[in-house]
Structure formats: structure tokens, C-alpha cells
Amino acid sequence: MLALTAHTGPPMAKTDTERLDDLEILAAHQAQMIDDLNEVVVSQGEVIADLRRKLEVLARRFSEAEERMREAVPVDKPPHW
């Protein structure tokens, strides 16, 4: 966004060339911001994909450990029941 500056003198109308220059500068800054944001989105997508893979591995390990514990623990009620 173009910054507003304090003006000490009388307001002066910008020429068409100045206005066009301002628009070109603004467009260039916006294009750079879009590129920067795109890099962030791509990076976050990679992080999310990595976290999903790790979560799947942990969920599988947890399920396997849970299954081993079920097999190792007897289901019979204790004698005092």
C-alpha cells in the first residue's frame, strides 16, 4: 500500500506519469508479496505432508503396541470377583 506522507505545502495534483509510476510500483510490490506468500504456502504444505507421514507412523506403532498388550494381558477376572 502506498504510504501517505505529511504535506507542508499546498496539495499538488499528480501528473498522469506520476500516477502511472505509483501504480507500477504498487503492482511490483504486490507481485513480490504474492511470490513471498506462495513460498510460505509451499513450505507449509511440505511441513504438513511430513507431519502427516510421522503421524501415520506413530498411529501404526501405537496400534501395534496396543495389540501386543492385549495379547499379553489375560482377560480372565481375578479370583475375588
Protein backbone atom coordinates (compact mmCIF):
# COMPACT_ATOMS: atom_id res chain seq x y z
CA MET A 1 0.00 0.00 0.00
CA LEU A 2 1.24 3.48 -0.74
CA ALA A 3 2.18 5.38 2.37
CA LEU A 4 0.60 8.75 2.99
CA THR A 5 3.13 11.42 3.86
CA ALA A 6 2.68 14.70 5.70
CA HIS A 7 2.32 17.57 3.30
CA THR A 8 3.52 21.03 4.34
CA GLY A 9 2.70 22.88 1.18
CA PRO A 10 -0.48 23.22 -0.85
CA PRO A 11 -1.81 19.96 -2.32
CA MET A 12 -0.40 19.32 -5.76
CA ALA A 13 -2.13 17.20 -8.34
CA LYS A 14 -0.03 14.33 -9.61
CA THR A 15 0.63 14.05 -13.28
CA ASP A 16 -0.57 11.01 -15.19
CA THR A 17 3.03 9.82 -15.40
CA GLU A 18 3.45 10.05 -11.61
CA ARG A 19 0.18 8.24 -11.05
CA LEU A 20 1.20 5.52 -13.51
CA ASP A 21 4.59 5.21 -11.79
CA ASP A 22 2.84 4.83 -8.43
CA LEU A 23 0.58 2.11 -9.83
CA GLU A 24 3.53 0.26 -11.36
CA ILE A 25 5.40 0.41 -8.05
CA LEU A 26 2.32 -0.84 -6.21
CA ALA A 27 1.87 -3.68 -8.71
CA ALA A 28 5.53 -4.68 -8.33
CA HIS A 29 5.23 -4.75 -4.54
CA GLN A 30 2.04 -6.80 -4.74
CA ALA A 31 3.64 -9.26 -7.17
CA GLN A 32 6.58 -9.67 -4.77
CA MET A 33 4.20 -10.21 -1.86
CA ILE A 34 2.31 -12.87 -3.83
CA ASP A 35 5.60 -14.64 -4.59
CA ASP A 36 6.63 -14.46 -0.91
CA LEU A 37 3.26 -15.79 0.26
CA ASN A 38 3.40 -18.58 -2.31
CA GLU A 39 6.77 -19.67 -0.92
CA VAL A 40 5.27 -19.76 2.57
CA VAL A 41 2.30 -21.83 1.38
CA VAL A 42 4.56 -24.33 -0.41
CA SER A 43 6.82 -24.61 2.64
CA GLN A 44 3.86 -25.14 4.96
CA GLY A 45 2.47 -27.78 2.60
CA GLU A 46 5.75 -29.68 2.83
CA VAL A 47 5.73 -29.44 6.62
CA ILE A 48 2.12 -30.66 6.77
CA ALA A 49 2.90 -33.61 4.49
CA ASP A 50 5.88 -34.55 6.69
CA LEU A 51 3.79 -34.28 9.86
CA ARG A 52 1.07 -36.47 8.31
CA ARG A 53 3.63 -39.16 7.47
CA LYS A 54 5.01 -39.05 11.00
CA LEU A 55 1.50 -39.20 12.47
CA GLU A 56 0.68 -42.25 10.36
CA VAL A 57 3.85 -44.00 11.56
CA LEU A 58 3.08 -43.18 15.20
CA ALA A 59 -0.55 -44.29 14.86
CA ARG A 60 0.57 -47.58 13.33
CA ARG A 61 3.16 -48.13 16.09
CA PHE A 62 0.58 -47.31 18.75
CA SER A 63 -1.92 -49.76 17.25
CA GLU A 64 0.74 -52.48 17.10
CA ALA A 65 1.78 -51.86 20.72
CA GLU A 66 -1.84 -51.85 21.83
CA GLU A 67 -2.44 -55.16 20.05
CA ARG A 68 0.65 -56.72 21.67
CA MET A 69 -0.56 -55.58 25.10
CA ARG A 70 -3.99 -57.12 24.53
CA GLU A 71 -2.37 -60.41 23.63
CA ALA A 72 -0.07 -60.30 26.68
CA VAL A 73 -2.67 -59.36 29.30
CA PRO A 74 -5.10 -62.13 30.39
CA VAL A 75 -8.77 -61.28 30.10
CA ASP A 76 -9.83 -63.53 33.00
CA LYS A 77 -11.39 -61.93 36.04
CA PRO A 78 -9.36 -62.00 39.22
CA PRO A 79 -10.33 -64.67 41.78
CA HIS A 80 -12.05 -62.20 44.13
CA TRP A 81 -14.77 -61.42 41.57
